[in-house]
Amino acid sequence: MKKALLCLLMAVVLVLCMASLSAYALARGGEIDVSTSDLLDNWEELDGKEVVFRGEAVGDVMRRGEDAWITVNDDFYSREARLEAGQLRGGNSGIGVWLPASEAEKIEVLGRFGTVGDFVEVRGVFNADCPEHGGDFDIHAYTLAVIDPGRTLDTGPDPGKYLAAVFAIVFMLATLVPFLRRRAREIRSARALLRREEDVQ
């Protein structure tokens, strides 16, 4: 009896959990979390679907009246800048996002040399062949949220490399100057010998 009640209770809990997950999915409008590789691999299935895309805002905000273009990269470097990451780990990947200019204004730092851009989340409709923008592969977003603020990178010279370069120059001068002085003495001696031979003749 107790075993049957326990099984019934577990079944009820399972049904409630599934109902909660379904309600959550409906509340989110059935949006699908995607990456650039998802969009490239499954563009036919995802075309026209509502998606959630996360990455680093890079380049510039290009305003077009009430709207704007931004580029959002979701490659390895969207979380760790090349200057910090050390060795190369693949190339850049991202997508153009068309959104209201008021949403684009939430971006404070854009990724470029010397900065890591804001890490953002955009929600909107994916277009594999956008009729509004000449067949572009893009997302028409209706909201943007900044998840992690961007930051400035230290792009100054490495003190260790700077000192190594200074020592290399000093070493070069220390070895070159004596060589040049010896060479100059040899040239003077050769000229003096030549003059003496001319005087004897």
Protein backbone atom coordinates (compact mmCIF):
# COMPACT_ATOMS: atom_id res chain seq x y z
CA MET A 1 0.00 0.00 0.00
CA LYS A 2 2.74 2.41 1.02
CA LYS A 3 4.66 1.49 -2.11
CA ALA A 4 1.65 2.27 -4.32
CA LEU A 5 1.12 5.64 -2.58
CA LEU A 6 4.80 6.51 -3.02
CA CYS A 7 4.63 5.67 -6.74
CA LEU A 8 1.47 7.77 -7.12
CA LEU A 9 3.09 10.70 -5.31
CA MET A 10 6.20 10.49 -7.53
CA ALA A 11 4.00 10.41 -10.65
CA VAL A 12 2.12 13.53 -9.47
CA VAL A 13 5.41 15.36 -8.77
CA LEU A 14 6.72 14.37 -12.22
CA VAL A 15 3.57 15.66 -13.95
CA LEU A 16 3.74 18.93 -12.01
CA CYS A 17 7.42 19.39 -12.97
CA MET A 18 6.64 18.78 -16.63
CA ALA A 19 3.72 21.21 -16.50
CA SER A 20 5.95 23.84 -14.89
CA LEU A 21 8.60 23.41 -17.58
CA SER A 22 5.97 23.69 -20.31
CA ALA A 23 4.55 26.84 -18.73
CA TYR A 24 8.06 28.30 -18.49
CA ALA A 25 8.70 27.55 -22.16
CA LEU A 26 5.39 29.17 -23.14
CA ALA A 27 6.13 32.20 -20.96
CA ARG A 28 9.41 32.62 -22.82
CA GLY A 29 7.55 32.47 -26.12
CA GLY A 30 9.16 29.20 -27.19
CA GLU A 31 12.53 30.89 -27.80
CA ILE A 32 15.44 28.61 -28.64
CA ASP A 33 18.97 29.14 -27.29
CA VAL A 34 21.34 29.15 -30.29
CA SER A 35 24.96 29.68 -31.22
CA THR A 36 26.47 30.65 -34.57
CA SER A 37 27.23 26.99 -35.32
CA ASP A 38 23.60 26.07 -34.55
CA LEU A 39 22.39 28.71 -37.00
CA LEU A 40 24.82 27.60 -39.71
CA ASP A 41 24.09 23.89 -39.27
CA ASN A 42 20.31 24.14 -38.87
CA TRP A 43 19.39 27.31 -40.76
CA GLU A 44 16.43 25.73 -42.56
CA GLU A 45 14.78 24.52 -39.35
CA LEU A 46 15.56 27.72 -37.42
CA ASP A 47 14.59 30.21 -40.15
CA GLY A 48 11.76 32.42 -38.82
CA LYS A 49 12.02 31.02 -35.28
CA GLU A 50 12.37 33.11 -32.12
CA VAL A 51 15.88 32.65 -30.72
CA VAL A 52 18.11 33.71 -27.84
CA PHE A 53 21.70 34.50 -28.84
CA ARG A 54 24.55 35.48 -26.50
CA GLY A 55 27.97 36.93 -27.24
CA GLU A 56 30.29 39.93 -27.22
CA ALA A 57 29.10 43.16 -28.84
CA VAL A 58 31.93 44.16 -31.22
CA GLY A 59 32.76 46.82 -33.80
CA ASP A 60 30.35 49.75 -33.92
CA VAL A 61 26.70 50.53 -33.39
CA MET A 62 25.48 51.57 -36.84
CA ARG A 63 22.31 53.60 -36.38
CA ARG A 64 19.72 53.64 -39.15
CA GLY A 65 17.01 56.02 -37.96
CA GLU A 66 14.97 54.34 -35.22
CA ASP A 67 16.94 51.09 -35.57
CA ALA A 68 20.57 49.98 -35.52
CA TRP A 69 22.93 47.22 -36.60
CA ILE A 70 25.31 45.58 -34.14
CA THR A 71 27.58 42.56 -34.47
CA VAL A 72 27.53 39.94 -31.73
CA ASN A 73 30.39 37.40 -31.64
CA ASP A 74 30.00 34.12 -29.77
CA ASP A 75 33.43 32.62 -30.48
CA PHE A 76 35.99 31.63 -27.82
CA TYR A 77 37.24 35.21 -27.59
CA SER A 78 33.81 36.54 -26.63
CA ARG A 79 34.59 35.42 -23.09
CA GLU A 80 38.40 35.71 -23.05
CA ALA A 81 40.23 38.26 -25.17
CA ARG A 82 43.04 37.19 -27.51
CA LEU A 83 45.54 39.18 -25.44
CA GLU A 84 44.52 37.21 -22.35
CA ALA A 85 43.91 33.83 -23.96
CA GLY A 86 47.48 33.34 -25.16
CA GLN A 87 47.48 30.82 -27.99
CA LEU A 88 45.00 31.03 -30.84
CA ARG A 89 41.79 29.03 -30.48
CA GLY A 90 39.90 29.17 -33.75
CA GLY A 91 38.54 32.13 -35.65
CA ASN A 92 35.82 34.69 -35.15
CA SER A 93 32.16 33.74 -35.38
CA GLY A 94 29.10 35.88 -34.88
CA ILE A 95 26.06 37.40 -36.51
CA GLY A 96 24.60 40.76 -37.44
CA VAL A 97 21.71 41.86 -35.24
CA TRP A 98 19.07 44.40 -36.27
CA LEU A 99 17.32 45.95 -33.28
CA PRO A 100 15.73 49.16 -32.01
CA ALA A 101 18.34 51.89 -31.48
CA SER A 102 17.02 52.34 -27.93
CA GLU A 103 18.04 48.74 -27.16
CA ALA A 104 21.47 49.20 -28.77
CA GLU A 105 22.07 52.18 -26.46
CA LYS A 106 22.31 49.75 -23.53
CA ILE A 107 25.76 48.74 -24.84
CA GLU A 108 28.48 50.77 -23.13
CA VAL A 109 31.65 48.99 -24.29
CA LEU A 110 32.19 47.55 -27.78
CA GLY A 111 34.85 44.95 -28.45
CA ARG A 112 37.84 46.09 -30.50
CA PHE A 113 41.61 46.33 -30.00
CA GLY A 114 42.21 47.24 -26.36
CA THR A 115 38.71 46.40 -25.09
CA VAL A 116 36.46 43.44 -24.41
CA GLY A 117 32.91 44.38 -25.37
CA ASP A 118 29.80 43.95 -23.25
CA PHE A 119 28.60 40.34 -23.19
CA VAL A 120 24.98 40.61 -24.30
CA GLU A 121 21.90 38.49 -24.78
CA VAL A 122 19.57 39.29 -27.67
CA ARG A 123 16.08 37.86 -28.24
CA GLY A 124 14.45 37.98 -31.61
CA VAL A 125 13.67 36.25 -34.90
CA PHE A 126 16.39 34.52 -36.92
CA ASN A 127 16.39 35.08 -40.70
CA ALA A 128 18.41 32.77 -42.90
CA ASP A 129 17.58 34.91 -45.96
CA CYS A 130 16.25 38.25 -44.72
CA PRO A 131 13.96 39.84 -47.34
CA GLU A 132 14.21 43.22 -45.61
CA HIS A 133 18.02 43.34 -45.78
CA GLY A 134 18.85 41.88 -49.18
CA GLY A 135 19.04 38.23 -48.12
CA ASP A 136 21.23 38.80 -45.05
CA PHE A 137 21.79 36.07 -42.48
CA ASP A 138 20.66 37.99 -39.38
CA ILE A 139 18.61 38.24 -36.22
CA HIS A 140 15.87 40.85 -35.87
CA ALA A 141 16.00 41.37 -32.11
CA TYR A 142 13.35 43.06 -30.01
CA THR A 143 15.31 43.11 -26.72
CA LEU A 144 18.94 43.26 -25.63
CA ALA A 145 20.30 42.70 -22.13
CA VAL A 146 23.89 43.23 -20.96
CA ILE A 147 24.93 40.12 -19.01
CA ASP A 148 28.55 41.08 -18.27
CA PRO A 149 29.94 44.60 -18.74
CA GLY A 150 32.95 45.07 -20.99
CA ARG A 151 36.39 46.18 -19.87
CA THR A 152 39.58 47.82 -21.05
CA LEU A 153 42.63 45.63 -21.63
CA ASP A 154 46.21 46.44 -20.72
CA THR A 155 47.82 46.85 -24.14
CA GLY A 156 51.02 48.51 -22.90
CA PRO A 157 54.40 46.93 -23.61
CA ASP A 158 55.44 43.95 -21.54
CA PRO A 159 58.08 45.29 -19.07
CA GLY A 160 60.09 42.06 -19.38
CA LYS A 161 60.24 42.29 -23.18
CA TYR A 162 61.03 46.00 -22.97
CA LEU A 163 64.01 45.33 -20.65
CA ALA A 164 65.18 42.46 -22.86
CA ALA A 165 65.17 44.81 -25.87
CA VAL A 166 67.16 47.46 -23.94
CA PHE A 167 69.74 44.88 -22.83
CA ALA A 168 70.01 43.57 -26.42
CA ILE A 169 70.75 47.10 -27.71
CA VAL A 170 73.31 47.73 -24.94
CA PHE A 171 75.00 44.37 -25.68
CA MET A 172 75.07 45.14 -29.40
CA LEU A 173 76.68 48.54 -28.80
CA ALA A 174 79.15 47.06 -26.30
CA THR A 175 80.36 44.54 -28.89
CA LEU A 176 80.08 46.79 -31.95
CA VAL A 177 81.99 49.83 -30.64
CA PRO A 178 85.28 47.97 -29.93
CA PHE A 179 85.03 46.27 -33.33
CA LEU A 180 84.56 49.62 -35.10
CA ARG A 181 87.44 51.20 -33.19
CA ARG A 182 89.76 48.30 -34.08
CA ARG A 183 88.67 48.52 -37.71
CA ALA A 184 89.32 52.26 -37.74
CA ARG A 185 92.87 51.66 -36.35
CA GLU A 186 93.53 49.05 -39.05
CA ILE A 187 92.42 51.47 -41.77
CA ARG A 188 94.63 54.24 -40.34
CA SER A 189 97.62 51.87 -40.16
CA ALA A 190 97.07 50.74 -43.76
CA ARG A 191 96.90 54.35 -44.97
CA ALA A 192 100.05 55.29 -43.02
CA LEU A 193 101.90 52.31 -44.52
CA LEU A 194 100.72 53.31 -48.00
CA ARG A 195 101.96 56.89 -47.53
CA ARG A 196 105.39 55.68 -46.36
CA GLU A 197 105.70 53.45 -49.42
CA GLU A 198 104.79 56.39 -51.66
CA ASP A 199 107.38 58.60 -49.92
CA VAL A 200 110.12 55.97 -50.47
CA GLN A 201 109.30 55.84 -54.19
